Amino acid sequence: MQPHSLKLSPESDLINSIKEYSLSNNLYGYVSGVVGNLRTVCIQCPGNQEINKFEGNLEIVSLNGHFNKGDVHLHLSFADEGCNVFGGHLEEGCIVKKGTDIFLLSFEQKIINISNHDLITNESRVKAYILKDCPWSKRAIRLLNSLSIPHEVTLIDNDESFQKIMAQSSHNTFPQIFLDNKFFGGYDELSEQAKLDNLISFK
């Protein structure tokens, strides 16, 4: 277990700072503590894919969740000037006001998602292959996280990995979602399946 401390300056994006740090350092782990404030907060409420935006002098109450080599799943709670507390799934666009200190703990081995199926196969049924900064990839991961679907994420960041995954799926667009090692589709297919059964068939 290795501790890390991030000191974010004004105008830093909270979630992107953790993503970039964990990706550049190849880290797996979780957020252990945070102190600071934000001028803008963007969160997603449970069961609702709409992004809620708050602005003002917003004090961070808690930040919980894990990071996995650039992939993160984080929940934020914060208070406004009237001490009203709000919280939800952290999204991009949470901007630091004066400063924020984040404390992380990382591990040498990857944290493995576990479902009832994993207890038998020892691997996630769902695998998502994504591109960095791809909005559709981000939406797909956000959808999987919001419905608590265990999944593995692989970042396609070079031509070799691109050619390898394209040979499996015969598709060159992203994200690419695999279910039980078979190509399922992209974001549109994932979204349509979510409308049908909330991705229960993926668990």
N, C-alpha and C. Protein backbone atom coordinates (compact mmCIF):
# COMPACT_ATOMS: atom_id res chain seq x y z
N MET A 1 0.85 -1.19 0.00
CA MET A 1 0.00 0.00 0.00
C MET A 1 0.88 1.24 0.00
N GLN A 2 0.61 2.16 -0.93
CA GLN A 2 1.44 3.35 -1.09
C GLN A 2 0.57 4.61 -1.02
N PRO A 3 0.90 5.56 -0.11
CA PRO A 3 0.12 6.80 -0.03
C PRO A 3 0.57 7.81 -1.08
N HIS A 4 -0.37 8.64 -1.52
CA HIS A 4 -0.09 9.72 -2.47
C HIS A 4 -0.87 10.95 -2.04
N SER A 5 -0.32 12.12 -2.29
CA SER A 5 -0.99 13.37 -1.95
C SER A 5 -1.01 14.27 -3.17
N LEU A 6 -2.21 14.70 -3.57
CA LEU A 6 -2.36 15.61 -4.70
C LEU A 6 -2.83 16.97 -4.20
N LYS A 7 -2.14 18.02 -4.57
CA LYS A 7 -2.54 19.38 -4.22
C LYS A 7 -3.02 20.06 -5.49
N LEU A 8 -4.32 20.29 -5.58
CA LEU A 8 -4.91 20.87 -6.79
C LEU A 8 -5.02 22.39 -6.66
N SER A 9 -4.59 23.08 -7.69
CA SER A 9 -4.65 24.54 -7.72
C SER A 9 -6.01 25.00 -8.24
N PRO A 10 -6.33 26.28 -8.08
CA PRO A 10 -7.59 26.81 -8.60
C PRO A 10 -7.77 26.51 -10.09
N GLU A 11 -9.00 26.22 -10.47
CA GLU A 11 -9.41 25.92 -11.85
C GLU A 11 -9.05 24.50 -12.29
N SER A 12 -8.50 23.68 -11.39
CA SER A 12 -8.25 22.27 -11.73
C SER A 12 -9.58 21.52 -11.76
N ASP A 13 -9.67 20.52 -12.63
CA ASP A 13 -10.84 19.65 -12.68
C ASP A 13 -10.59 18.46 -11.74
N LEU A 14 -11.48 18.27 -10.79
CA LEU A 14 -11.28 17.28 -9.72
C LEU A 14 -11.11 15.87 -10.28
N ILE A 15 -12.06 15.42 -11.07
CA ILE A 15 -12.02 14.03 -11.54
C ILE A 15 -10.91 13.80 -12.55
N ASN A 16 -10.67 14.78 -13.43
CA ASN A 16 -9.62 14.62 -14.43
C ASN A 16 -8.23 14.58 -13.79
N SER A 17 -8.05 15.29 -12.69
CA SER A 17 -6.76 15.29 -12.00
C SER A 17 -6.45 13.89 -11.47
N ILE A 18 -7.46 13.22 -10.90
CA ILE A 18 -7.25 11.87 -10.38
C ILE A 18 -7.06 10.88 -11.53
N LYS A 19 -7.84 11.05 -12.60
CA LYS A 19 -7.69 10.18 -13.78
C LYS A 19 -6.28 10.25 -14.33
N GLU A 20 -5.82 11.47 -14.57
CA GLU A 20 -4.51 11.67 -15.20
C GLU A 20 -3.37 11.16 -14.31
N TYR A 21 -3.50 11.38 -13.00
CA TYR A 21 -2.44 10.94 -12.09
C TYR A 21 -2.38 9.41 -12.04
N SER A 22 -3.55 8.77 -11.95
CA SER A 22 -3.56 7.30 -11.87
C SER A 22 -3.14 6.66 -13.19
N LEU A 23 -3.48 7.31 -14.31
CA LEU A 23 -3.09 6.77 -15.61
C LEU A 23 -1.60 6.91 -15.85
N SER A 24 -1.06 8.10 -15.58
CA SER A 24 0.36 8.35 -15.85
C SER A 24 1.27 7.55 -14.93
N ASN A 25 0.76 7.18 -13.74
CA ASN A 25 1.57 6.41 -12.80
C ASN A 25 1.16 4.94 -12.71
N ASN A 26 0.19 4.54 -13.56
CA ASN A 26 -0.25 3.14 -13.62
C ASN A 26 -0.70 2.64 -12.24
N LEU A 27 -1.62 3.37 -11.62
CA LEU A 27 -2.02 3.10 -10.24
C LEU A 27 -3.43 2.52 -10.13
N TYR A 28 -3.60 1.63 -9.15
CA TYR A 28 -4.90 1.11 -8.74
C TYR A 28 -5.05 1.42 -7.25
N GLY A 29 -6.23 1.82 -6.84
CA GLY A 29 -6.42 2.11 -5.42
C GLY A 29 -7.69 2.89 -5.16
N TYR A 30 -7.71 3.63 -4.05
CA TYR A 30 -8.92 4.37 -3.68
C TYR A 30 -8.57 5.70 -3.03
N VAL A 31 -9.57 6.58 -2.97
CA VAL A 31 -9.42 7.87 -2.32
C VAL A 31 -9.60 7.68 -0.82
N SER A 32 -8.63 8.13 -0.03
CA SER A 32 -8.72 7.94 1.42
C SER A 32 -9.12 9.21 2.15
N GLY A 33 -9.03 10.37 1.51
CA GLY A 33 -9.41 11.61 2.18
C GLY A 33 -9.33 12.80 1.24
N VAL A 34 -10.01 13.88 1.60
CA VAL A 34 -10.00 15.09 0.78
C VAL A 34 -10.36 16.30 1.64
N VAL A 35 -9.74 17.43 1.34
CA VAL A 35 -10.07 18.70 1.98
C VAL A 35 -9.99 19.78 0.91
N GLY A 36 -11.03 20.60 0.79
CA GLY A 36 -10.97 21.67 -0.19
C GLY A 36 -12.34 22.18 -0.57
N ASN A 37 -12.35 23.08 -1.55
CA ASN A 37 -13.62 23.65 -2.00
C ASN A 37 -13.65 23.75 -3.52
N LEU A 38 -14.86 23.92 -4.04
CA LEU A 38 -15.10 23.95 -5.48
C LEU A 38 -15.97 25.15 -5.83
N ARG A 39 -15.81 25.66 -7.03
CA ARG A 39 -16.71 26.72 -7.49
C ARG A 39 -17.82 26.16 -8.38
N THR A 40 -17.57 24.97 -8.96
CA THR A 40 -18.57 24.30 -9.79
C THR A 40 -18.55 22.81 -9.49
N VAL A 41 -19.74 22.22 -9.36
CA VAL A 41 -19.86 20.78 -9.13
C VAL A 41 -20.81 20.19 -10.17
N CYS A 42 -20.41 19.06 -10.74
CA CYS A 42 -21.27 18.31 -11.66
C CYS A 42 -21.39 16.88 -11.13
N ILE A 43 -22.61 16.46 -10.83
CA ILE A 43 -22.84 15.12 -10.30
C ILE A 43 -24.04 14.49 -11.00
N GLN A 44 -24.10 13.17 -10.92
CA GLN A 44 -25.24 12.43 -11.44
C GLN A 44 -25.93 11.75 -10.27
N CYS A 45 -27.25 11.94 -10.18
CA CYS A 45 -28.01 11.34 -9.08
C CYS A 45 -28.35 9.89 -9.42
N PRO A 46 -28.57 9.03 -8.41
CA PRO A 46 -28.87 7.62 -8.64
C PRO A 46 -30.09 7.43 -9.54
N GLY A 47 -29.95 6.54 -10.54
CA GLY A 47 -31.07 6.23 -11.42
C GLY A 47 -31.41 7.31 -12.42
N ASN A 48 -30.57 8.33 -12.54
CA ASN A 48 -30.85 9.45 -13.44
C ASN A 48 -29.58 9.77 -14.21
N GLN A 49 -29.63 9.69 -15.54
CA GLN A 49 -28.44 9.94 -16.35
C GLN A 49 -28.19 11.42 -16.60
N GLU A 50 -29.11 12.28 -16.15
CA GLU A 50 -28.94 13.72 -16.34
C GLU A 50 -27.86 14.25 -15.39
N ILE A 51 -27.02 15.15 -15.87
CA ILE A 51 -25.97 15.76 -15.06
C ILE A 51 -26.53 16.98 -14.33
N ASN A 52 -26.34 17.03 -13.02
CA ASN A 52 -26.78 18.16 -12.20
C ASN A 52 -25.59 19.07 -11.92
N LYS A 53 -25.76 20.36 -12.18
CA LYS A 53 -24.66 21.32 -12.03
C LYS A 53 -24.98 22.32 -10.92
N PHE A 54 -23.99 22.55 -10.04
CA PHE A 54 -24.10 23.50 -8.94
C PHE A 54 -22.95 24.50 -9.04
N GLU A 55 -23.21 25.75 -8.67
CA GLU A 55 -22.16 26.76 -8.69
C GLU A 55 -22.22 27.59 -7.41
N GLY A 56 -21.07 28.09 -6.98
CA GLY A 56 -21.01 28.90 -5.77
C GLY A 56 -19.76 28.59 -4.96
N ASN A 57 -19.81 28.90 -3.67
CA ASN A 57 -18.73 28.57 -2.75
C ASN A 57 -19.08 27.23 -2.10
N LEU A 58 -18.58 26.15 -2.66
CA LEU A 58 -19.01 24.80 -2.30
C LEU A 58 -17.89 24.05 -1.59
N GLU A 59 -18.16 23.63 -0.36
CA GLU A 59 -17.16 22.95 0.46
C GLU A 59 -17.30 21.44 0.32
N ILE A 60 -16.18 20.77 0.03
CA ILE A 60 -16.21 19.31 -0.10
C ILE A 60 -16.39 18.66 1.27
N VAL A 61 -17.38 17.78 1.39
CA VAL A 61 -17.61 17.04 2.63
C VAL A 61 -16.93 15.68 2.56
N SER A 62 -17.05 15.00 1.43
CA SER A 62 -16.41 13.69 1.28
C SER A 62 -16.21 13.36 -0.19
N LEU A 63 -15.25 12.50 -0.45
CA LEU A 63 -14.99 11.98 -1.80
C LEU A 63 -14.60 10.52 -1.63
N ASN A 64 -15.43 9.62 -2.14
CA ASN A 64 -15.19 8.19 -1.99
C ASN A 64 -15.17 7.49 -3.34
N GLY A 65 -14.39 6.42 -3.42
CA GLY A 65 -14.37 5.63 -4.64
C GLY A 65 -12.98 5.14 -4.98
N HIS A 66 -12.85 4.57 -6.18
CA HIS A 66 -11.58 3.95 -6.57
C HIS A 66 -11.11 4.47 -7.92
N PHE A 67 -9.83 4.25 -8.19
CA PHE A 67 -9.24 4.59 -9.49
C PHE A 67 -8.51 3.36 -10.01
N ASN A 68 -8.45 3.27 -11.34
CA ASN A 68 -7.91 2.08 -11.98
C ASN A 68 -7.26 2.47 -13.29
N LYS A 69 -6.01 2.95 -13.21
CA LYS A 69 -5.23 3.31 -14.39
C LYS A 69 -6.02 4.21 -15.34
N GLY A 70 -6.53 5.31 -14.81
CA GLY A 70 -7.25 6.28 -15.62
C GLY A 70 -8.75 6.13 -15.60
N ASP A 71 -9.24 4.98 -15.17
CA ASP A 71 -10.68 4.78 -15.01
C ASP A 71 -11.03 5.01 -13.55
N VAL A 72 -12.06 5.82 -13.29
CA VAL A 72 -12.41 6.12 -11.91
C VAL A 72 -13.91 5.94 -11.69
N HIS A 73 -14.28 5.63 -10.46
CA HIS A 73 -15.67 5.61 -10.03
C HIS A 73 -15.70 6.29 -8.67
N LEU A 74 -16.20 7.53 -8.64
CA LEU A 74 -16.11 8.36 -7.45
C LEU A 74 -17.47 8.97 -7.09
N HIS A 75 -17.73 9.08 -5.79
CA HIS A 75 -18.92 9.74 -5.29
C HIS A 75 -18.51 10.94 -4.43
N LEU A 76 -19.15 12.07 -4.68
CA LEU A 76 -18.82 13.33 -4.00
C LEU A 76 -20.01 13.83 -3.20
N SER A 77 -19.75 14.31 -1.99
CA SER A 77 -20.76 15.07 -1.26
C SER A 77 -20.16 16.42 -0.90
N PHE A 78 -21.00 17.46 -0.91
CA PHE A 78 -20.51 18.83 -0.68
C PHE A 78 -21.62 19.67 -0.05
N ALA A 79 -21.21 20.77 0.56
CA ALA A 79 -22.15 21.67 1.22
C ALA A 79 -22.09 23.05 0.57
N ASP A 80 -23.28 23.70 0.46
CA ASP A 80 -23.30 25.07 -0.05
C ASP A 80 -23.18 26.05 1.12
N GLU A 81 -23.33 27.34 0.84
CA GLU A 81 -23.15 28.36 1.88
C GLU A 81 -24.23 28.30 2.96
N GLY A 82 -25.34 27.63 2.68
CA GLY A 82 -26.39 27.46 3.68
C GLY A 82 -26.28 26.15 4.44
N CYS A 83 -25.16 25.46 4.28
CA CYS A 83 -24.90 24.15 4.92
C CYS A 83 -25.86 23.06 4.44
N ASN A 84 -26.42 23.26 3.26
CA ASN A 84 -27.21 22.19 2.64
C ASN A 84 -26.24 21.23 1.94
N VAL A 85 -26.41 19.95 2.19
CA VAL A 85 -25.48 18.95 1.67
C VAL A 85 -26.11 18.19 0.50
N PHE A 86 -25.34 18.03 -0.56
CA PHE A 86 -25.78 17.30 -1.75
C PHE A 86 -24.71 16.26 -2.09
N GLY A 87 -25.09 15.27 -2.86
CA GLY A 87 -24.10 14.27 -3.25
C GLY A 87 -24.56 13.43 -4.41
N GLY A 88 -23.60 12.76 -5.05
CA GLY A 88 -23.92 11.88 -6.16
C GLY A 88 -22.67 11.39 -6.85
N HIS A 89 -22.87 10.81 -8.02
CA HIS A 89 -21.76 10.26 -8.83
C HIS A 89 -20.99 11.40 -9.46
N LEU A 90 -19.67 11.46 -9.20
CA LEU A 90 -18.84 12.57 -9.67
C LEU A 90 -18.68 12.53 -11.19
N GLU A 91 -18.83 13.72 -11.81
CA GLU A 91 -18.67 13.87 -13.25
C GLU A 91 -17.60 14.91 -13.54
N GLU A 92 -17.18 14.97 -14.79
CA GLU A 92 -16.24 16.01 -15.21
C GLU A 92 -16.90 17.38 -15.09
N GLY A 93 -16.10 18.39 -14.80
CA GLY A 93 -16.63 19.74 -14.67
C GLY A 93 -16.68 20.24 -13.24
N CYS A 94 -16.14 19.45 -12.28
CA CYS A 94 -16.03 19.90 -10.89
C CYS A 94 -14.74 20.71 -10.78
N ILE A 95 -14.86 22.02 -10.66
CA ILE A 95 -13.72 22.92 -10.75
C ILE A 95 -13.33 23.46 -9.38
N VAL A 96 -12.04 23.36 -9.06
CA VAL A 96 -11.52 23.82 -7.78
C VAL A 96 -11.61 25.34 -7.68
N LYS A 97 -12.04 25.82 -6.50
CA LYS A 97 -12.16 27.27 -6.27
C LYS A 97 -10.84 27.85 -5.75
N LYS A 98 -10.48 27.55 -4.51
CA LYS A 98 -9.24 28.07 -3.91
C LYS A 98 -8.13 27.03 -3.90
N GLY A 99 -8.49 25.80 -3.61
CA GLY A 99 -7.49 24.73 -3.54
C GLY A 99 -8.11 23.47 -2.95
N THR A 100 -7.55 22.33 -3.31
CA THR A 100 -8.06 21.05 -2.80
C THR A 100 -6.89 20.07 -2.63
N ASP A 101 -6.84 19.41 -1.48
CA ASP A 101 -5.85 18.37 -1.21
C ASP A 101 -6.55 17.01 -1.23
N ILE A 102 -6.02 16.09 -2.02
CA ILE A 102 -6.60 14.75 -2.14
C ILE A 102 -5.56 13.73 -1.70
N PHE A 103 -6.00 12.78 -0.90
CA PHE A 103 -5.10 11.73 -0.40
C PHE A 103 -5.53 10.39 -0.99
N LEU A 104 -4.59 9.70 -1.61
CA LEU A 104 -4.87 8.44 -2.29
C LEU A 104 -4.05 7.31 -1.69
N LEU A 105 -4.57 6.09 -1.78
CA LEU A 105 -3.83 4.89 -1.42
C LEU A 105 -3.85 3.96 -2.63
N SER A 106 -2.68 3.50 -3.05
CA SER A 106 -2.60 2.62 -4.21
C SER A 106 -2.07 1.24 -3.81
N PHE A 107 -2.35 0.26 -4.67
CA PHE A 107 -1.94 -1.12 -4.44
C PHE A 107 -1.15 -1.61 -5.65
N GLU A 108 -0.33 -2.63 -5.45
CA GLU A 108 0.46 -3.18 -6.55
C GLU A 108 -0.41 -3.96 -7.52
N GLN A 109 -1.44 -4.60 -7.03
CA GLN A 109 -2.28 -5.42 -7.90
C GLN A 109 -3.60 -4.73 -8.16
N LYS A 110 -4.15 -5.05 -9.32
CA LYS A 110 -5.43 -4.48 -9.73
C LYS A 110 -6.56 -4.98 -8.85
N ILE A 111 -7.49 -4.08 -8.51
CA ILE A 111 -8.70 -4.46 -7.79
C ILE A 111 -9.64 -5.13 -8.78
N ILE A 112 -10.12 -6.32 -8.47
CA ILE A 112 -10.95 -7.09 -9.40
C ILE A 112 -12.42 -6.91 -9.05
N ASN A 113 -13.24 -6.60 -10.08
CA ASN A 113 -14.69 -6.54 -9.89
C ASN A 113 -15.22 -7.95 -9.68
N ILE A 114 -16.16 -8.12 -8.75
CA ILE A 114 -16.69 -9.44 -8.43
C ILE A 114 -18.21 -9.43 -8.51
N SER A 115 -18.76 -10.40 -9.22
CA SER A 115 -20.20 -10.64 -9.24
C SER A 115 -20.40 -12.13 -8.97
N ASN A 116 -21.66 -12.59 -8.92
CA ASN A 116 -21.92 -14.01 -8.72
C ASN A 116 -21.28 -14.84 -9.82
N HIS A 117 -21.29 -14.30 -11.04
CA HIS A 117 -20.69 -15.02 -12.16
C HIS A 117 -19.18 -15.09 -12.00
N ASP A 118 -18.59 -14.02 -11.46
CA ASP A 118 -17.14 -13.98 -11.27
C ASP A 118 -16.65 -15.03 -10.29
N LEU A 119 -17.52 -15.39 -9.33
CA LEU A 119 -17.12 -16.39 -8.34
C LEU A 119 -16.83 -17.72 -9.01
N ILE A 120 -17.43 -17.90 -10.20
CA ILE A 120 -17.22 -19.13 -10.94
C ILE A 120 -16.11 -18.96 -11.97
N THR A 121 -16.15 -17.85 -12.73
CA THR A 121 -15.21 -17.67 -13.84
C THR A 121 -13.97 -16.89 -13.47
N ASN A 122 -14.00 -16.15 -12.35
CA ASN A 122 -12.88 -15.34 -11.89
C ASN A 122 -12.56 -14.19 -12.85
N GLU A 123 -13.54 -13.78 -13.66
CA GLU A 123 -13.36 -12.61 -14.50
C GLU A 123 -14.71 -11.96 -14.77
N SER A 124 -14.70 -10.68 -15.09
CA SER A 124 -15.93 -9.97 -15.35
C SER A 124 -16.53 -10.42 -16.68
N ARG A 125 -17.85 -10.49 -16.72
CA ARG A 125 -18.52 -10.85 -17.97
C ARG A 125 -18.40 -9.73 -18.99
N VAL A 126 -18.37 -8.50 -18.49
CA VAL A 126 -18.37 -7.34 -19.37
C VAL A 126 -16.98 -6.74 -19.47
N LYS A 127 -16.53 -6.54 -20.69
CA LYS A 127 -15.24 -5.89 -20.93
C LYS A 127 -15.47 -4.72 -21.88
N ALA A 128 -14.96 -3.56 -21.49
CA ALA A 128 -15.13 -2.35 -22.28
C ALA A 128 -13.78 -1.88 -22.80
N TYR A 129 -13.68 -1.73 -24.09
CA TYR A 129 -12.46 -1.21 -24.72
C TYR A 129 -12.74 0.21 -25.17
N ILE A 130 -11.95 1.16 -24.65
CA ILE A 130 -12.27 2.57 -24.84
C ILE A 130 -11.08 3.35 -25.38
N LEU A 131 -11.38 4.56 -25.86
CA LEU A 131 -10.35 5.51 -26.27
C LEU A 131 -10.30 6.65 -25.28
N LYS A 132 -9.13 7.20 -25.02
CA LYS A 132 -8.98 8.32 -24.12
C LYS A 132 -9.70 9.55 -24.70
N ASP A 133 -10.41 10.27 -23.85
CA ASP A 133 -11.12 11.49 -24.20
C ASP A 133 -12.23 11.27 -25.22
N CYS A 134 -12.67 10.03 -25.40
CA CYS A 134 -13.80 9.73 -26.29
C CYS A 134 -15.10 9.91 -25.52
N PRO A 135 -15.98 10.84 -25.92
CA PRO A 135 -17.21 11.09 -25.16
C PRO A 135 -18.13 9.88 -25.09
N TRP A 136 -18.18 9.08 -26.16
CA TRP A 136 -19.04 7.90 -26.15
C TRP A 136 -18.48 6.83 -25.23
N SER A 137 -17.16 6.72 -25.16
CA SER A 137 -16.54 5.79 -24.21
C SER A 137 -16.87 6.20 -22.79
N LYS A 138 -16.79 7.50 -22.50
CA LYS A 138 -17.09 7.99 -21.16
C LYS A 138 -18.54 7.72 -20.79
N ARG A 139 -19.45 7.90 -21.75
CA ARG A 139 -20.87 7.65 -21.48
C ARG A 139 -21.12 6.17 -21.20
N ALA A 140 -20.43 5.30 -21.94
CA ALA A 140 -20.61 3.87 -21.72
C ALA A 140 -20.15 3.46 -20.33
N ILE A 141 -18.98 3.95 -19.90
CA ILE A 141 -18.47 3.62 -18.57
C ILE A 141 -19.37 4.20 -17.49
N ARG A 142 -19.86 5.42 -17.72
CA ARG A 142 -20.77 6.04 -16.75
C ARG A 142 -22.05 5.22 -16.61
N LEU A 143 -22.56 4.71 -17.74
CA LEU A 143 -23.77 3.90 -17.70
C LEU A 143 -23.54 2.59 -16.95
N LEU A 144 -22.43 1.93 -17.21
CA LEU A 144 -22.11 0.69 -16.50
C LEU A 144 -21.96 0.94 -15.01
N ASN A 145 -21.30 2.03 -14.65
CA ASN A 145 -21.12 2.36 -13.23
C ASN A 145 -22.44 2.69 -12.55
N SER A 146 -23.29 3.46 -13.25
CA SER A 146 -24.55 3.90 -12.63
C SER A 146 -25.48 2.73 -12.36
N LEU A 147 -25.36 1.66 -13.15
CA LEU A 147 -26.20 0.47 -12.96
C LEU A 147 -25.47 -0.65 -12.23
N SER A 148 -24.29 -0.32 -11.69
CA SER A 148 -23.50 -1.26 -10.87
C SER A 148 -23.21 -2.56 -11.61
N ILE A 149 -22.78 -2.42 -12.85
CA ILE A 149 -22.43 -3.59 -13.66
C ILE A 149 -20.93 -3.85 -13.53
N PRO A 150 -20.52 -4.99 -12.96
CA PRO A 150 -19.08 -5.30 -12.89
C PRO A 150 -18.48 -5.36 -14.29
N HIS A 151 -17.33 -4.73 -14.47
CA HIS A 151 -16.73 -4.69 -15.80
C HIS A 151 -15.24 -4.42 -15.70
N GLU A 152 -14.55 -4.78 -16.75
CA GLU A 152 -13.13 -4.47 -16.89
C GLU A 152 -12.97 -3.45 -18.01
N VAL A 153 -12.08 -2.48 -17.82
CA VAL A 153 -11.86 -1.43 -18.81
C VAL A 153 -10.44 -1.55 -19.36
N THR A 154 -10.33 -1.52 -20.67
CA THR A 154 -9.02 -1.52 -21.33
C THR A 154 -8.92 -0.29 -22.22
N LEU A 155 -7.89 0.51 -21.99
CA LEU A 155 -7.66 1.71 -22.79
C LEU A 155 -6.86 1.34 -24.04
N ILE A 156 -7.42 1.63 -25.20
CA ILE A 156 -6.73 1.38 -26.48
C ILE A 156 -5.92 2.63 -26.80
N ASP A 157 -4.59 2.52 -26.66
CA ASP A 157 -3.75 3.71 -26.79
C ASP A 157 -2.59 3.54 -27.77
N ASN A 158 -2.62 2.46 -28.57
CA ASN A 158 -1.59 2.30 -29.59
C ASN A 158 -2.14 1.46 -30.74
N ASP A 159 -1.43 1.48 -31.86
CA ASP A 159 -1.93 0.80 -33.06
C ASP A 159 -2.00 -0.71 -32.88
N GLU A 160 -1.07 -1.27 -32.12
CA GLU A 160 -1.08 -2.72 -31.91
C GLU A 160 -2.35 -3.18 -31.19
N SER A 161 -2.71 -2.48 -30.11
CA SER A 161 -3.92 -2.85 -29.37
C SER A 161 -5.17 -2.58 -30.21
N PHE A 162 -5.12 -1.51 -31.04
CA PHE A 162 -6.26 -1.20 -31.91
C PHE A 162 -6.48 -2.33 -32.92
N GLN A 163 -5.41 -2.78 -33.56
CA GLN A 163 -5.53 -3.85 -34.55
C GLN A 163 -5.99 -5.15 -33.91
N LYS A 164 -5.54 -5.40 -32.69
CA LYS A 164 -5.90 -6.64 -32.00
C LYS A 164 -7.39 -6.68 -31.68
N ILE A 165 -7.92 -5.58 -31.15
CA ILE A 165 -9.34 -5.58 -30.78
C ILE A 165 -10.21 -5.54 -32.03
N MET A 166 -9.75 -4.86 -33.09
CA MET A 166 -10.52 -4.80 -34.34
C MET A 166 -10.61 -6.19 -34.97
N ALA A 167 -9.57 -7.00 -34.80
CA ALA A 167 -9.59 -8.36 -35.34
C ALA A 167 -10.64 -9.22 -34.62
N GLN A 168 -10.90 -8.90 -33.36
CA GLN A 168 -11.89 -9.66 -32.59
C GLN A 168 -13.31 -9.23 -32.90
N SER A 169 -13.50 -7.91 -33.11
CA SER A 169 -14.85 -7.38 -33.24
C SER A 169 -15.26 -7.06 -34.68
N SER A 170 -14.26 -6.89 -35.56
CA SER A 170 -14.50 -6.44 -36.95
C SER A 170 -15.12 -5.05 -36.99
N HIS A 171 -14.89 -4.26 -35.95
CA HIS A 171 -15.38 -2.88 -35.87
C HIS A 171 -14.20 -1.96 -35.54
N ASN A 172 -14.29 -0.72 -36.04
CA ASN A 172 -13.21 0.24 -35.78
C ASN A 172 -13.69 1.48 -35.03
N THR A 173 -14.90 1.40 -34.45
CA THR A 173 -15.42 2.51 -33.65
C THR A 173 -15.42 2.12 -32.18
N PHE A 174 -15.45 3.14 -31.31
CA PHE A 174 -15.39 2.91 -29.87
C PHE A 174 -16.45 3.72 -29.15
N PRO A 175 -16.86 3.20 -27.96
CA PRO A 175 -16.33 2.04 -27.23
C PRO A 175 -16.76 0.72 -27.88
N GLN A 176 -16.06 -0.34 -27.50
CA GLN A 176 -16.45 -1.68 -27.91
C GLN A 176 -16.73 -2.48 -26.65
N ILE A 177 -17.94 -2.99 -26.56
CA ILE A 177 -18.38 -3.74 -25.38
C ILE A 177 -18.44 -5.22 -25.71
N PHE A 178 -17.80 -6.03 -24.87
CA PHE A 178 -17.83 -7.48 -25.03
C PHE A 178 -18.57 -8.09 -23.84
N LEU A 179 -19.41 -9.07 -24.12
CA LEU A 179 -20.13 -9.80 -23.08
C LEU A 179 -19.77 -11.28 -23.21
N ASP A 180 -19.22 -11.84 -22.14
CA ASP A 180 -18.76 -13.24 -22.16
C ASP A 180 -17.81 -13.49 -23.33
N ASN A 181 -16.90 -12.51 -23.54
CA ASN A 181 -15.86 -12.59 -24.57
C ASN A 181 -16.40 -12.57 -26.00
N LYS A 182 -17.66 -12.14 -26.17
CA LYS A 182 -18.24 -11.98 -27.50
C LYS A 182 -18.61 -10.52 -27.71
N PHE A 183 -18.34 -9.99 -28.90
CA PHE A 183 -18.62 -8.59 -29.18
C PHE A 183 -20.12 -8.32 -29.08
N PHE A 184 -20.49 -7.34 -28.25
CA PHE A 184 -21.89 -6.99 -28.06
C PHE A 184 -22.28 -5.78 -28.89
N GLY A 185 -21.43 -4.75 -28.88
CA GLY A 185 -21.74 -3.53 -29.62
C GLY A 185 -21.04 -2.34 -29.01
N GLY A 186 -21.53 -1.16 -29.37
CA GLY A 186 -20.98 0.08 -28.85
C GLY A 186 -21.91 0.74 -27.86
N TYR A 187 -21.80 2.08 -27.73
CA TYR A 187 -22.63 2.78 -26.76
C TYR A 187 -24.11 2.68 -27.09
N ASP A 188 -24.47 2.80 -28.37
CA ASP A 188 -25.88 2.77 -28.74
C ASP A 188 -26.53 1.45 -28.35
N GLU A 189 -25.85 0.35 -28.62
CA GLU A 189 -26.39 -0.96 -28.27
C GLU A 189 -26.48 -1.13 -26.75
N LEU A 190 -25.48 -0.63 -26.05
CA LEU A 190 -25.48 -0.70 -24.59
C LEU A 190 -26.63 0.11 -24.01
N SER A 191 -26.85 1.31 -24.55
CA SER A 191 -27.92 2.17 -24.08
C SER A 191 -29.29 1.55 -24.33
N GLU A 192 -29.47 0.93 -25.51
CA GLU A 192 -30.75 0.29 -25.82
C GLU A 192 -31.01 -0.89 -24.89
N GLN A 193 -29.96 -1.67 -24.59
CA GLN A 193 -30.13 -2.79 -23.67
C GLN A 193 -30.48 -2.30 -22.28
N ALA A 194 -29.90 -1.17 -21.87
CA ALA A 194 -30.20 -0.59 -20.55
C ALA A 194 -31.67 -0.19 -20.46
N LYS A 195 -32.24 0.29 -21.56
CA LYS A 195 -33.65 0.66 -21.57
C LYS A 195 -34.54 -0.57 -21.44
N LEU A 196 -34.06 -1.70 -21.95
CA LEU A 196 -34.85 -2.93 -21.92
C LEU A 196 -34.87 -3.58 -20.54
N ASP A 197 -33.67 -3.70 -19.92
CA ASP A 197 -33.61 -4.47 -18.67
C ASP A 197 -32.65 -3.91 -17.63
N ASN A 198 -32.26 -2.61 -17.79
CA ASN A 198 -31.30 -2.00 -16.85
C ASN A 198 -30.01 -2.80 -16.76
N LEU A 199 -29.70 -3.53 -17.84
CA LEU A 199 -28.48 -4.34 -17.95
C LEU A 199 -28.42 -5.48 -16.93
N ILE A 200 -29.59 -5.90 -16.45
CA ILE A 200 -29.62 -7.04 -15.52
C ILE A 200 -29.03 -8.28 -16.19
N SER A 201 -29.23 -8.40 -17.50
CA SER A 201 -28.70 -9.55 -18.23
C SER A 201 -27.18 -9.54 -18.30
N PHE A 202 -26.55 -8.42 -17.90
CA PHE A 202 -25.09 -8.32 -17.92
C PHE A 202 -24.47 -8.75 -16.59
N LYS A 203 -25.29 -8.96 -15.57
CA LYS A 203 -24.74 -9.27 -14.24
C LYS A 203 -24.50 -10.76 -14.10
